[in-house]
Amino acid sequence: MDTDALPRPGTAGGPSAPATASAPRSTTAVLALACAAQFMVILDVSIVNVALPSIRAELHLSSAGQQWIVNAYTLGFAGLLLLGGRLADLVGTKRAFLTSLAAFTAASFAGGLAPGGALLIAARAVQGVGGAVLAPATLTLIMTTFTEPAARTRAMGAWSAVMAAGGAAGAVVGGVLTQYAGWRWVLFVNVPLGAVLLAAALVYVPAATGGGGGLRRLDLPGAVTVTAGLTALVYGIIAGETHGWDAPAVWGPVAAAVVLLGTFLAVEARVAHPLVPLAVLRRRTLATANLVVIAIGAAMFSMWFLLSLYLQQVLGYTALQAGLCFLPGALSIIVASRLATRYVGRVGARPLLVGGMTVSAVGFAWLSQVSAGGSYATDVAAPFVLATFGTGLATMPTTMTATAGAAREEAGLASGLVNTSRQVGGALGLAVLGTVASRTTAARLAGHADVPAALAAGYGRGLLLAAACAACAALGGLALPRRTTKP
């Protein structure tokens, strides 16, 4: 079979990957566990969005406090993803999976019980930290369980479909739970799911060891500098939403991030067992694919956020109605992901990536025409399905390309890199596009436009920039090689 950007089994000299000759039921269970855990992590990126007005009213939060319910999760998640991915390589995937899943589940329970905003924000931060280890561990499980190219393609397709649909499903599930059970259940819903996954993981996840030496090989200076650098970068981006991009609260953390990440690169060039070998970062395919992932994350995270606000604040939909409006997008992503899985071996990853993001760019540009007098049927439904279909077509090939050629001892690192790129892109997109939308709305209100028209104009401008991000992802895909035969 002709393949493009298919990751290869472990290289000579590295630990061998787990055998794929185990019973089909076992490998199916591992895939189901990986997909369910990834779904839970991605779900929590968006599930609270439609519940924010209810949370703010009950806990008497300020506007900034309300935003930090989202930001705390994003900060903990994005800041530790790279370290979280590497931990799976060092301590073993099963141990990383179980520990992070337990932490995520416990934090969800604590957040659901939180009597005030401070404890809820703290619980969301711990959720983010748990997710930062759990998300790359799910992809590492797939990469090390399915080593035969055709089987890995199918498994990656299922994982990518679940991951891509998680954002849309979060809005749907969040709307239903908020409407009928109360906002606390957007957190409590993780508890029974987490308990079931923990029990199943104890049975089905192979007890593979990590790299030789375990945590003794952890590059502590590298871990500290990259985690602090990524956290400072994401914090600075988030601060741009409320303080303006020229404020010290923005450029101070961003400047610190530049220094810390520069220090990290210097450390990695000198230590015996680097957290991220610099040779990995010099791989053209990996670097380009991760830049594409950043652009896709910026477009998609922003779309979920801006459309949710448009449906509720301009069209006057309830949380449940707004959540249900995202259901066609989730289905569109799943259908497109299945098509990508079927055809990636025939046409290669690059055509699907470029074609998919071109379709998405058209959908986003069409969505940017939303108006105060519009409706879901006329202004949103068709372009929304188009944008999500294109992204679903591109997501799995992009992930495969970003992890191409990863040896067994680098599987967690490759997983952490692609997840970090997605989250940093999402944080950057939300901050920049959200700021553009807010300033456009403020300018229209200063010109005496009515509130719905001003809001629609702001959301439309943000969605137009999302189209530009999708177009950049398509152009970035053109820089990838036609056929990847080497790491």
Protein backbone atom coordinates (compact mmCIF):
# COMPACT_ATOMS: atom_id res chain seq x y z
CA MET A 1 0.00 0.00 0.00
CA ASP A 2 1.24 3.47 -0.89
CA THR A 3 1.49 5.60 2.25
CA ASP A 4 2.37 9.15 3.08
CA ALA A 5 3.80 10.35 6.36
CA LEU A 6 3.11 7.07 8.13
CA PRO A 7 5.01 6.80 11.44
CA ARG A 8 7.42 3.87 11.53
CA PRO A 9 8.02 1.32 14.25
CA GLY A 10 10.88 1.82 16.69
CA THR A 11 14.29 2.28 15.16
CA ALA A 12 17.24 0.01 15.69
CA GLY A 13 18.75 0.34 19.10
CA GLY A 14 15.57 1.60 20.73
CA PRO A 15 13.14 -0.42 22.83
CA SER A 16 10.87 -2.59 20.79
CA ALA A 17 7.22 -1.63 20.49
CA PRO A 18 4.62 -3.88 22.02
CA ALA A 19 3.63 -6.71 19.77
CA THR A 20 0.58 -6.26 17.63
CA ALA A 21 -0.13 -9.95 17.52
CA SER A 22 -2.15 -9.76 20.73
CA ALA A 23 -5.80 -10.65 20.69
CA PRO A 24 -7.90 -8.26 18.57
CA ARG A 25 -10.13 -7.66 21.57
CA SER A 26 -7.14 -6.29 23.51
CA THR A 27 -6.02 -3.88 20.79
CA THR A 28 -9.62 -2.77 20.24
CA ALA A 29 -9.92 -2.08 23.96
CA VAL A 30 -6.70 -0.04 23.94
CA LEU A 31 -8.00 2.01 21.01
CA ALA A 32 -11.35 2.55 22.74
CA LEU A 33 -9.56 3.65 25.93
CA ALA A 34 -7.28 6.05 24.09
CA CYS A 35 -10.16 7.59 22.15
CA ALA A 36 -12.44 7.90 25.19
CA ALA A 37 -9.72 9.53 27.31
CA GLN A 38 -8.80 11.95 24.52
CA PHE A 39 -12.49 12.79 24.06
CA MET A 40 -12.80 13.59 27.76
CA VAL A 41 -9.77 15.89 27.67
CA ILE A 42 -10.85 17.78 24.54
CA LEU A 43 -14.45 17.92 25.75
CA ASP A 44 -13.34 19.94 28.75
CA VAL A 45 -11.72 22.56 26.54
CA SER A 46 -15.18 23.62 25.32
CA ILE A 47 -17.83 22.07 27.58
CA VAL A 48 -17.85 24.97 30.03
CA ASN A 49 -18.29 27.67 27.36
CA VAL A 50 -22.08 27.53 27.21
CA ALA A 51 -22.25 27.12 31.01
CA LEU A 52 -20.25 30.30 31.77
CA PRO A 53 -23.28 32.61 32.20
CA SER A 54 -24.82 30.18 34.74
CA ILE A 55 -21.51 29.75 36.59
CA ARG A 56 -21.00 33.51 36.75
CA ALA A 57 -24.49 34.12 38.12
CA GLU A 58 -24.34 31.44 40.84
CA LEU A 59 -20.78 32.10 42.02
CA HIS A 60 -21.00 35.90 41.60
CA LEU A 61 -17.91 36.09 39.42
CA SER A 62 -16.52 39.13 37.68
CA SER A 63 -16.00 39.12 33.93
CA ALA A 64 -12.29 38.39 34.48
CA GLY A 65 -13.10 35.58 36.92
CA GLN A 66 -15.47 34.05 34.41
CA GLN A 67 -12.77 34.10 31.73
CA TRP A 68 -10.26 32.43 34.06
CA ILE A 69 -12.47 29.36 34.32
CA VAL A 70 -11.46 28.75 30.71
CA ASN A 71 -7.97 30.22 30.94
CA ALA A 72 -6.88 28.17 33.97
CA TYR A 73 -7.50 24.95 32.08
CA THR A 74 -5.77 26.26 28.95
CA LEU A 75 -2.76 27.48 30.95
CA GLY A 76 -2.20 24.21 32.81
CA PHE A 77 -2.85 22.15 29.69
CA ALA A 78 -0.71 24.02 27.16
CA GLY A 79 2.10 24.81 29.58
CA LEU A 80 2.83 21.20 30.54
CA LEU A 81 1.97 19.27 27.36
CA LEU A 82 5.55 18.91 26.16
CA LEU A 83 6.77 17.69 29.55
CA GLY A 84 3.67 15.49 29.85
CA GLY A 85 4.44 13.80 26.56
CA ARG A 86 8.01 13.09 27.57
CA LEU A 87 6.96 11.63 30.92
CA ALA A 88 5.12 8.83 29.10
CA ASP A 89 8.43 7.88 27.45
CA LEU A 90 10.35 7.93 30.74
CA VAL A 91 7.99 6.34 33.29
CA GLY A 92 5.92 4.15 30.97
CA THR A 93 2.70 4.89 29.16
CA LYS A 94 0.48 2.91 31.53
CA ARG A 95 1.75 4.68 34.63
CA ALA A 96 1.43 8.10 32.99
CA PHE A 97 -2.05 7.25 31.69
CA LEU A 98 -3.39 6.01 35.05
CA THR A 99 -1.87 8.79 37.16
CA SER A 100 -3.01 11.63 34.91
CA LEU A 101 -6.49 10.13 34.45
CA ALA A 102 -6.91 9.82 38.23
CA ALA A 103 -5.82 13.45 38.72
CA PHE A 104 -8.15 14.66 35.97
CA THR A 105 -11.11 12.75 37.42
CA ALA A 106 -10.48 13.94 40.99
CA ALA A 107 -10.12 17.56 39.86
CA SER A 108 -13.41 17.29 37.95
CA PHE A 109 -15.16 16.09 41.11
CA ALA A 110 -13.61 18.90 43.18
CA GLY A 111 -14.61 21.49 40.58
CA GLY A 112 -18.20 20.29 40.58
CA LEU A 113 -18.32 20.73 44.36
CA ALA A 114 -16.56 24.12 44.37
CA PRO A 115 -18.43 26.66 46.56
CA GLY A 116 -16.67 29.66 45.02
CA GLY A 117 -14.79 30.93 42.01
CA ALA A 118 -11.27 30.52 43.45
CA LEU A 119 -11.66 26.80 44.12
CA LEU A 120 -13.33 26.23 40.76
CA ILE A 121 -10.47 27.97 38.94
CA ALA A 122 -7.92 25.94 40.95
CA ALA A 123 -9.72 22.70 40.05
CA ARG A 124 -9.74 23.69 36.38
CA ALA A 125 -5.98 24.29 36.56
CA VAL A 126 -5.42 20.80 38.00
CA GLN A 127 -7.66 19.39 35.26
CA GLY A 128 -5.38 21.09 32.75
CA VAL A 129 -2.26 19.60 34.32
CA GLY A 130 -3.80 16.12 34.29
CA GLY A 131 -4.88 16.60 30.68
CA ALA A 132 -1.35 17.70 29.73
CA VAL A 133 -0.07 14.22 30.59
CA LEU A 134 -3.18 12.28 29.56
CA ALA A 135 -3.59 13.72 26.04
CA PRO A 136 -0.13 12.76 24.72
CA ALA A 137 -0.36 9.43 26.55
CA THR A 138 -3.46 8.51 24.51
CA LEU A 139 -1.64 9.14 21.23
CA THR A 140 1.45 7.31 22.50
CA LEU A 141 -0.73 4.30 23.31
CA ILE A 142 -1.89 4.19 19.69
CA MET A 143 1.58 4.72 18.23
CA THR A 144 3.09 1.91 20.30
CA THR A 145 0.19 -0.55 20.10
CA PHE A 146 -0.49 -0.31 16.37
CA THR A 147 2.85 -0.67 14.58
CA GLU A 148 1.57 -2.12 11.28
CA PRO A 149 0.93 0.84 8.90
CA ALA A 150 -2.63 -0.03 7.82
CA ALA A 151 -3.76 -0.76 11.40
CA ARG A 152 -2.11 2.43 12.65
CA THR A 153 -3.81 4.47 9.94
CA ARG A 154 -7.22 3.18 11.03
CA ALA A 155 -6.44 3.76 14.70
CA MET A 156 -5.14 7.28 14.07
CA GLY A 157 -8.25 8.00 12.03
CA ALA A 158 -10.52 7.01 14.91
CA TRP A 159 -8.42 9.01 17.42
CA SER A 160 -8.38 12.08 15.16
CA ALA A 161 -12.15 11.93 14.57
CA VAL A 162 -12.82 11.77 18.31
CA MET A 163 -10.32 14.55 19.01
CA ALA A 164 -11.67 16.84 16.29
CA ALA A 165 -15.31 16.22 17.24
CA GLY A 166 -14.64 16.84 20.93
CA GLY A 167 -14.90 20.62 20.59
CA ALA A 168 -18.32 20.47 18.97
CA ALA A 169 -19.54 17.73 21.30
CA GLY A 170 -18.48 19.85 24.29
CA ALA A 171 -20.88 22.59 23.25
CA VAL A 172 -23.72 20.09 22.76
CA VAL A 173 -23.13 18.18 26.02
CA GLY A 174 -22.52 21.40 27.94
CA GLY A 175 -25.77 22.90 26.69
CA VAL A 176 -27.84 19.83 27.59
CA LEU A 177 -26.29 19.42 31.05
CA THR A 178 -26.52 23.12 31.90
CA GLN A 179 -30.17 23.27 30.81
CA TYR A 180 -31.41 20.15 32.58
CA ALA A 181 -28.95 19.21 35.35
CA GLY A 182 -27.15 22.45 36.22
CA TRP A 183 -23.68 23.74 35.37
CA ARG A 184 -21.93 21.58 37.97
CA TRP A 185 -22.63 18.52 35.85
CA VAL A 186 -20.36 19.79 33.08
CA LEU A 187 -17.63 18.78 35.56
CA PHE A 188 -19.31 15.86 37.33
CA VAL A 189 -19.84 14.09 33.99
CA ASN A 190 -16.12 13.24 33.95
CA VAL A 191 -16.30 11.32 37.24
CA PRO A 192 -18.16 8.15 36.17
CA LEU A 193 -16.39 8.18 32.79
CA GLY A 194 -13.01 8.52 34.48
CA ALA A 195 -13.78 5.71 36.93
CA VAL A 196 -14.75 3.33 34.12
CA LEU A 197 -11.64 4.22 32.12
CA LEU A 198 -9.37 3.70 35.14
CA ALA A 199 -10.80 0.22 35.75
CA ALA A 200 -10.48 -0.73 32.08
CA ALA A 201 -6.95 0.67 31.78
CA LEU A 202 -5.75 -1.49 34.68
CA VAL A 203 -6.78 -4.53 32.66
CA TYR A 204 -6.09 -3.64 29.03
CA VAL A 205 -3.22 -1.15 28.88
CA PRO A 206 0.08 -3.07 28.61
CA ALA A 207 2.50 -2.50 31.46
CA ALA A 208 5.36 -1.39 29.19
CA THR A 209 8.26 0.26 30.95
CA GLY A 210 9.56 3.68 30.06
CA GLY A 211 12.96 4.48 28.68
CA GLY A 212 15.99 3.17 30.54
CA GLY A 213 16.55 4.98 33.82
CA GLY A 214 13.00 6.31 34.13
CA LEU A 215 12.77 9.67 35.89
CA ARG A 216 16.52 9.56 36.60
CA ARG A 217 16.96 10.47 32.92
CA LEU A 218 14.58 13.42 33.17
CA ASP A 219 16.26 16.58 31.93
CA LEU A 220 15.19 18.72 34.92
CA PRO A 221 16.68 22.06 33.71
CA GLY A 222 15.08 21.52 30.32
CA ALA A 223 11.75 20.52 31.88
CA VAL A 224 11.69 23.61 34.12
CA THR A 225 12.64 26.10 31.41
CA VAL A 226 10.31 24.76 28.70
CA THR A 227 7.35 24.45 31.09
CA ALA A 228 7.90 27.92 32.52
CA GLY A 229 8.47 29.32 29.01
CA LEU A 230 5.32 27.81 27.53
CA THR A 231 3.28 28.83 30.57
CA ALA A 232 4.56 32.41 30.34
CA LEU A 233 3.84 32.50 26.60
CA VAL A 234 0.26 31.26 26.99
CA TYR A 235 -0.32 33.60 29.96
CA GLY A 236 0.91 36.57 27.94
CA ILE A 237 -1.35 35.63 25.04
CA ILE A 238 -4.34 35.27 27.36
CA ALA A 239 -3.58 38.63 29.02
CA GLY A 240 -3.75 40.32 25.62
CA GLU A 241 -7.53 39.78 25.61
CA THR A 242 -8.10 42.03 28.61
CA HIS A 243 -5.07 44.34 28.87
CA GLY A 244 -4.24 45.23 25.27
CA TRP A 245 -1.18 44.00 23.41
CA ASP A 246 1.07 46.91 24.45
CA ALA A 247 0.49 46.44 28.19
CA PRO A 248 3.31 45.26 30.53
CA ALA A 249 1.03 42.40 31.62
CA VAL A 250 1.36 41.09 28.04
CA TRP A 251 4.85 41.89 26.83
CA GLY A 252 6.42 41.08 30.22
CA PRO A 253 5.38 37.40 30.19
CA VAL A 254 6.04 37.13 26.44
CA ALA A 255 9.57 38.55 26.90
CA ALA A 256 10.13 36.12 29.77
CA ALA A 257 8.91 33.29 27.52
CA VAL A 258 11.44 34.24 24.84
CA VAL A 259 14.27 34.19 27.39
CA LEU A 260 13.14 30.92 28.98
CA LEU A 261 12.61 29.12 25.68
CA GLY A 262 15.98 30.37 24.43
CA THR A 263 17.55 29.03 27.62
CA PHE A 264 15.76 25.74 27.04
CA LEU A 265 17.31 25.40 23.57
CA ALA A 266 20.76 26.14 25.01
CA VAL A 267 20.25 23.51 27.72
CA GLU A 268 19.09 20.90 25.21
CA ALA A 269 22.25 21.36 23.14
CA ARG A 270 24.42 20.43 26.14
CA VAL A 271 22.74 17.82 28.34
CA ALA A 272 23.33 14.10 27.89
CA HIS A 273 19.64 13.14 27.83
CA PRO A 274 17.71 16.15 26.50
CA LEU A 275 13.98 16.48 27.03
CA VAL A 276 13.70 17.40 23.33
CA PRO A 277 16.67 16.36 21.18
CA LEU A 278 17.37 19.29 18.87
CA ALA A 279 17.71 16.88 15.95
CA VAL A 280 13.97 16.23 16.30
CA LEU A 281 13.16 19.93 15.93
CA ARG A 282 15.32 20.15 12.80
CA ARG A 283 13.19 17.63 10.93
CA ARG A 284 11.49 19.60 8.18
CA THR A 285 8.36 17.45 8.07
CA LEU A 286 7.81 17.56 11.84
CA ALA A 287 8.44 21.31 12.13
CA THR A 288 6.20 22.20 9.20
CA ALA A 289 3.38 19.91 10.34
CA ASN A 290 3.41 21.43 13.81
CA LEU A 291 3.20 24.94 12.34
CA VAL A 292 0.17 23.76 10.35
CA VAL A 293 -1.35 22.38 13.56
CA ILE A 294 -0.92 25.80 15.21
CA ALA A 295 -2.85 27.47 12.38
CA ILE A 296 -5.63 24.85 12.50
CA GLY A 297 -5.91 25.22 16.28
CA ALA A 298 -6.17 29.00 16.00
CA ALA A 299 -9.00 28.74 13.46
CA MET A 300 -11.03 25.99 15.12
CA PHE A 301 -10.84 27.05 18.79
CA SER A 302 -11.84 30.57 17.79
CA MET A 303 -14.76 29.36 15.69
CA TRP A 304 -16.34 27.37 18.56
CA PHE A 305 -16.00 30.39 20.86
CA LEU A 306 -17.22 33.08 18.44
CA LEU A 307 -20.14 31.05 17.09
CA SER A 308 -21.29 30.16 20.61
CA LEU A 309 -21.42 33.87 21.46
CA TYR A 310 -23.13 34.78 18.17
CA LEU A 311 -25.87 32.18 18.67
CA GLN A 312 -26.57 33.23 22.27
CA GLN A 313 -25.91 36.96 22.30
CA VAL A 314 -27.11 37.93 18.82
CA LEU A 315 -29.69 35.30 17.85
CA GLY A 316 -30.89 34.88 21.44
CA TYR A 317 -30.55 31.08 21.65
CA THR A 318 -30.52 29.29 25.00
CA ALA A 319 -27.49 27.24 26.08
CA LEU A 320 -29.26 24.06 24.97
CA GLN A 321 -30.26 25.49 21.58
CA ALA A 322 -26.75 26.80 20.97
CA GLY A 323 -25.24 23.45 21.93
CA LEU A 324 -27.52 21.52 19.59
CA CYS A 325 -26.56 23.84 16.74
CA PHE A 326 -23.03 22.42 16.95
CA LEU A 327 -24.20 18.84 16.43
CA PRO A 328 -24.03 18.96 12.59
CA GLY A 329 -20.42 20.10 12.87
CA ALA A 330 -19.51 17.14 15.09
CA LEU A 331 -21.13 14.73 12.61
CA SER A 332 -19.40 16.46 9.70
CA ILE A 333 -16.00 16.02 11.35
CA ILE A 334 -16.62 12.34 12.01
CA VAL A 335 -17.68 11.66 8.41
CA ALA A 336 -14.69 13.58 7.01
CA SER A 337 -12.27 11.80 9.33
CA ARG A 338 -13.52 8.42 8.16
CA LEU A 339 -13.02 9.49 4.55
CA ALA A 340 -9.49 10.66 5.36
CA THR A 341 -8.70 7.31 6.99
CA ARG A 342 -9.94 5.48 3.90
CA TYR A 343 -8.05 7.54 1.32
CA VAL A 344 -4.82 8.66 3.03
CA GLY A 345 -3.05 5.48 1.94
CA ARG A 346 -4.07 6.05 -1.68
CA VAL A 347 -3.54 9.76 -2.19
CA GLY A 348 -1.16 10.64 0.67
CA ALA A 349 -1.48 13.06 3.56
CA ARG A 350 -0.60 16.28 1.73
CA PRO A 351 -3.56 16.40 -0.71
CA LEU A 352 -6.02 15.72 2.10
CA LEU A 353 -4.42 18.35 4.32
CA VAL A 354 -4.27 21.04 1.64
CA GLY A 355 -7.67 20.23 0.19
CA GLY A 356 -9.35 19.99 3.58
CA MET A 357 -8.02 23.30 4.88
CA THR A 358 -8.88 25.04 1.61
CA VAL A 359 -12.48 23.87 2.04
CA SER A 360 -12.36 25.05 5.66
CA ALA A 361 -11.07 28.47 4.64
CA VAL A 362 -14.05 28.87 2.28
CA GLY A 363 -16.41 27.83 5.08
CA PHE A 364 -14.90 30.27 7.57
CA ALA A 365 -15.03 33.12 5.04
CA TRP A 366 -18.69 32.35 4.39
CA LEU A 367 -19.38 32.26 8.14
CA SER A 368 -17.85 35.72 8.50
CA GLN A 369 -20.95 37.13 6.78
CA VAL A 370 -23.12 36.55 9.89
CA SER A 371 -25.47 39.42 10.63
CA ALA A 372 -27.80 40.63 13.36
CA GLY A 373 -30.83 39.88 11.20
CA GLY A 374 -29.64 36.43 10.19
CA SER A 375 -30.60 32.96 11.37
CA TYR A 376 -28.93 29.62 11.96
CA ALA A 377 -30.48 28.14 8.82
CA THR A 378 -29.43 30.96 6.48
CA ASP A 379 -26.20 32.29 8.01
CA VAL A 380 -24.58 29.43 9.91
CA ALA A 381 -25.61 25.86 9.03
CA ALA A 382 -24.11 25.36 5.54
CA PRO A 383 -20.79 27.23 6.03
CA PHE A 384 -20.38 25.67 9.48
CA VAL A 385 -20.68 22.15 8.05
CA LEU A 386 -18.27 23.10 5.24
CA ALA A 387 -15.65 24.44 7.68
CA THR A 388 -15.85 21.43 9.99
CA PHE A 389 -15.84 18.93 7.11
CA GLY A 390 -12.62 20.40 5.74
CA THR A 391 -10.97 20.36 9.15
CA GLY A 392 -12.05 16.75 9.72
CA LEU A 393 -10.50 15.83 6.39
CA ALA A 394 -7.18 17.45 7.35
CA THR A 395 -6.81 16.58 11.05
CA MET A 396 -5.76 12.93 10.88
CA PRO A 397 -3.25 13.40 7.99
CA THR A 398 -1.75 16.36 9.86
CA THR A 399 -1.35 14.39 13.08
CA MET A 400 0.19 11.47 11.19
CA THR A 401 2.66 13.79 9.47
CA ALA A 402 3.59 15.47 12.76
CA THR A 403 4.42 12.11 14.34
CA ALA A 404 6.05 10.54 11.26
CA GLY A 405 9.20 8.54 11.90
CA ALA A 406 8.98 8.71 15.70
CA ALA A 407 10.90 5.87 17.33
CA ARG A 408 9.37 4.07 20.31
CA GLU A 409 11.43 6.14 22.77
CA GLU A 410 10.25 9.37 21.07
CA ALA A 411 6.54 8.52 20.77
CA GLY A 412 5.49 10.57 23.80
CA LEU A 413 7.68 13.48 22.71
CA ALA A 414 6.10 13.55 19.23
CA SER A 415 2.63 13.33 20.80
CA GLY A 416 3.43 16.15 23.21
CA LEU A 417 4.74 18.36 20.43
CA VAL A 418 1.62 18.06 18.27
CA ASN A 419 -0.72 18.57 21.24
CA THR A 420 1.33 21.56 22.42
CA SER A 421 1.14 23.11 18.95
CA ARG A 422 -2.64 22.64 18.88
CA GLN A 423 -3.17 24.22 22.29
CA VAL A 424 -0.76 27.12 21.76
CA GLY A 425 -2.46 27.77 18.43
CA GLY A 426 -5.86 27.66 20.11
CA ALA A 427 -4.80 30.04 22.88
CA LEU A 428 -3.20 32.41 20.39
CA GLY A 429 -6.25 32.30 18.12
CA LEU A 430 -8.72 32.90 20.94
CA ALA A 431 -6.69 35.84 22.26
CA VAL A 432 -6.02 37.56 18.93
CA LEU A 433 -9.33 36.87 17.20
CA GLY A 434 -11.30 37.52 20.40
CA THR A 435 -9.54 40.86 20.81
CA VAL A 436 -10.23 41.81 17.19
CA ALA A 437 -13.90 40.90 17.64
CA SER A 438 -14.17 42.94 20.85
CA ARG A 439 -12.49 46.00 19.38
CA THR A 440 -14.59 45.85 16.23
CA THR A 441 -17.73 45.71 18.35
CA ALA A 442 -16.54 48.62 20.51
CA ALA A 443 -15.81 50.72 17.42
CA ARG A 444 -19.28 50.02 16.00
CA LEU A 445 -20.92 50.92 19.30
CA ALA A 446 -18.96 54.18 19.39
CA GLY A 447 -20.44 54.88 15.97
CA HIS A 448 -23.92 54.42 17.49
CA ALA A 449 -24.66 51.03 15.91
CA ASP A 450 -27.18 48.92 17.83
CA VAL A 451 -25.77 46.22 20.08
CA PRO A 452 -26.75 43.10 18.03
CA ALA A 453 -25.35 44.64 14.84
CA ALA A 454 -22.12 45.65 16.60
CA LEU A 455 -21.68 42.18 18.11
CA ALA A 456 -22.34 40.46 14.79
CA ALA A 457 -19.79 42.71 13.07
CA GLY A 458 -17.17 41.80 15.68
CA TYR A 459 -17.80 38.07 15.44
CA GLY A 460 -17.78 38.29 11.64
CA ARG A 461 -14.39 40.01 11.66
CA GLY A 462 -12.99 37.33 13.98
CA LEU A 463 -14.32 34.55 11.74
CA LEU A 464 -12.74 36.23 8.70
CA LEU A 465 -9.37 36.02 10.43
CA ALA A 466 -10.11 32.36 11.21
CA ALA A 467 -10.48 31.90 7.44
CA ALA A 468 -7.03 33.45 7.01
CA CYS A 469 -5.60 30.98 9.57
CA ALA A 470 -7.16 28.07 7.66
CA ALA A 471 -5.71 29.39 4.40
CA CYS A 472 -2.27 29.59 6.04
CA ALA A 473 -2.65 25.96 7.12
CA ALA A 474 -3.42 24.98 3.52
CA LEU A 475 -0.38 26.89 2.25
CA GLY A 476 1.77 25.29 4.93
CA GLY A 477 0.62 21.88 3.76
CA LEU A 478 2.07 22.64 0.33
CA ALA A 479 5.52 22.86 1.95
CA LEU A 480 5.31 19.24 3.12
CA PRO A 481 6.99 16.58 0.99
CA ARG A 482 4.76 14.60 -1.34
CA ARG A 483 5.90 11.32 0.15
CA THR A 484 7.67 10.93 3.46
CA THR A 485 10.09 8.06 3.41
CA LYS A 486 12.46 9.21 6.10
CA PRO A 487 12.01 10.79 9.51
